[in-house]
C-alpha atoms as a PDB file:
ATOM      1  CA  UNK A   1     -21.960 -16.034 -34.272  1.00  0.00           C
ATOM      2  CA  UNK A   2     -25.647 -16.611 -34.375  1.00  0.00           C
ATOM      3  CA  UNK A   3     -27.267 -18.284 -37.132  1.00  0.00           C
ATOM      4  CA  UNK A   4     -30.583 -19.261 -38.129  1.00  0.00           C
ATOM      5  CA  UNK A   5     -31.495 -22.658 -38.874  1.00  0.00           C
ATOM      6  CA  UNK A   6     -32.383 -22.325 -42.592  1.00  0.00           C
ATOM      7  CA  UNK A   7     -33.342 -26.091 -43.572  1.00  0.00           C
ATOM      8  CA  UNK A   8     -32.947 -29.525 -41.266  1.00  0.00           C
ATOM      9  CA  UNK A   9     -31.695 -32.740 -43.556  1.00  0.00           C
ATOM     10  CA  UNK A  10     -31.937 -35.270 -41.309  1.00  0.00           C
ATOM     11  CA  UNK A  11     -34.536 -36.684 -38.698  1.00  0.00           C
ATOM     12  CA  UNK A  12     -34.275 -38.611 -35.872  1.00  0.00           C
ATOM     13  CA  UNK A  13     -33.477 -42.142 -36.679  1.00  0.00           C
ATOM     14  CA  UNK A  14     -31.723 -41.735 -39.639  1.00  0.00           C
ATOM     15  CA  UNK A  15     -28.465 -43.388 -40.471  1.00  0.00           C
ATOM     16  CA  UNK A  16     -25.488 -40.925 -41.599  1.00  0.00           C
ATOM     17  CA  UNK A  17     -21.866 -41.109 -42.758  1.00  0.00           C
ATOM     18  CA  UNK A  18     -18.646 -38.694 -41.675  1.00  0.00           C
ATOM     19  CA  UNK A  19     -19.548 -36.052 -44.322  1.00  0.00           C
ATOM     20  CA  UNK A  20     -23.211 -36.518 -44.762  1.00  0.00           C
ATOM     21  CA  UNK A  21     -25.060 -32.480 -43.884  1.00  0.00           C
ATOM     22  CA  UNK A  22     -27.420 -32.645 -40.800  1.00  0.00           C
ATOM     23  CA  UNK A  23     -28.487 -29.256 -41.204  1.00  0.00           C
ATOM     24  CA  UNK A  24     -28.251 -25.740 -43.039  1.00  0.00           C
ATOM     25  CA  UNK A  25     -27.630 -22.754 -41.106  1.00  0.00           C
ATOM     26  CA  UNK A  26     -28.323 -18.990 -42.666  1.00  0.00           C
ATOM     27  CA  UNK A  27     -25.685 -16.000 -41.084  1.00  0.00           C
ATOM     28  CA  UNK A  28     -25.496 -13.100 -42.812  1.00  0.00           C
ATOM     29  CA  UNK A  29     -26.769 -14.038 -45.963  1.00  0.00           C
ATOM     30  CA  UNK A  30     -24.585 -17.049 -46.037  1.00  0.00           C
ATOM     31  CA  UNK A  31     -25.282 -20.784 -45.884  1.00  0.00           C
ATOM     32  CA  UNK A  32     -23.630 -22.658 -44.376  1.00  0.00           C
ATOM     33  CA  UNK A  33     -23.724 -26.880 -43.833  1.00  0.00           C
ATOM     34  CA  UNK A  34     -23.115 -28.521 -40.557  1.00  0.00           C
ATOM     35  CA  UNK A  35     -21.210 -31.625 -41.276  1.00  0.00           C
ATOM     36  CA  UNK A  36     -21.429 -35.263 -39.979  1.00  0.00           C
ATOM     37  CA  UNK A  37     -17.990 -35.673 -38.632  1.00  0.00           C
ATOM     38  CA  UNK A  38     -18.660 -39.764 -37.665  1.00  0.00           C
ATOM     39  CA  UNK A  39     -20.687 -43.091 -39.173  1.00  0.00           C
ATOM     40  CA  UNK A  40     -23.866 -42.947 -36.881  1.00  0.00           C
ATOM     41  CA  UNK A  41     -27.702 -42.610 -36.185  1.00  0.00           C
ATOM     42  CA  UNK A  42     -29.041 -39.588 -35.426  1.00  0.00           C
ATOM     43  CA  UNK A  43     -30.626 -40.367 -31.903  1.00  0.00           C
ATOM     44  CA  UNK A  44     -31.652 -37.146 -31.157  1.00  0.00           C
ATOM     45  CA  UNK A  45     -32.339 -33.967 -33.157  1.00  0.00           C
ATOM     46  CA  UNK A  46     -31.917 -30.168 -31.169  1.00  0.00           C
ATOM     47  CA  UNK A  47     -32.598 -27.910 -33.372  1.00  0.00           C
ATOM     48  CA  UNK A  48     -35.598 -27.105 -35.787  1.00  0.00           C
ATOM     49  CA  UNK A  49     -36.214 -24.802 -38.961  1.00  0.00           C
ATOM     50  CA  UNK A  50     -36.500 -21.308 -37.658  1.00  0.00           C
ATOM     51  CA  UNK A  51     -34.668 -22.025 -34.946  1.00  0.00           C
ATOM     52  CA  UNK A  52     -31.787 -18.956 -33.513  1.00  0.00           C
ATOM     53  CA  UNK A  53     -28.889 -20.609 -32.294  1.00  0.00           C
ATOM     54  CA  UNK A  54     -25.256 -19.731 -30.940  1.00  0.00           C
ATOM     55  CA  UNK A  55     -21.893 -20.844 -31.373  1.00  0.00           C
ATOM     56  CA  UNK A  56     -21.387 -23.908 -28.956  1.00  0.00           C
ATOM     57  CA  UNK A  57     -25.403 -24.637 -29.075  1.00  0.00           C
ATOM     58  CA  UNK A  58     -25.872 -28.847 -29.447  1.00  0.00           C
ATOM     59  CA  UNK A  59     -27.963 -29.499 -32.889  1.00  0.00           C
ATOM     60  CA  UNK A  60     -27.385 -33.470 -32.974  1.00  0.00           C
ATOM     61  CA  UNK A  61     -26.393 -36.267 -30.939  1.00  0.00           C
ATOM     62  CA  UNK A  62     -24.927 -39.433 -33.081  1.00  0.00           C
ATOM     63  CA  UNK A  63     -24.229 -42.713 -32.056  1.00  0.00           C
END
């Protein structure tokens, strides 16, 4: 599946909790939230708004 990064919700250095939205993708006119799976700090953000990504691409690193 190919998607566009519609909105980046977090920034590097932000603290996130399990269930927080990291980015919102758009594919086939549907908005798809990407959710944090653990608590932690966003140490690297690998996408920007407008990027085109594919299934399996790294979006963010949470430590």
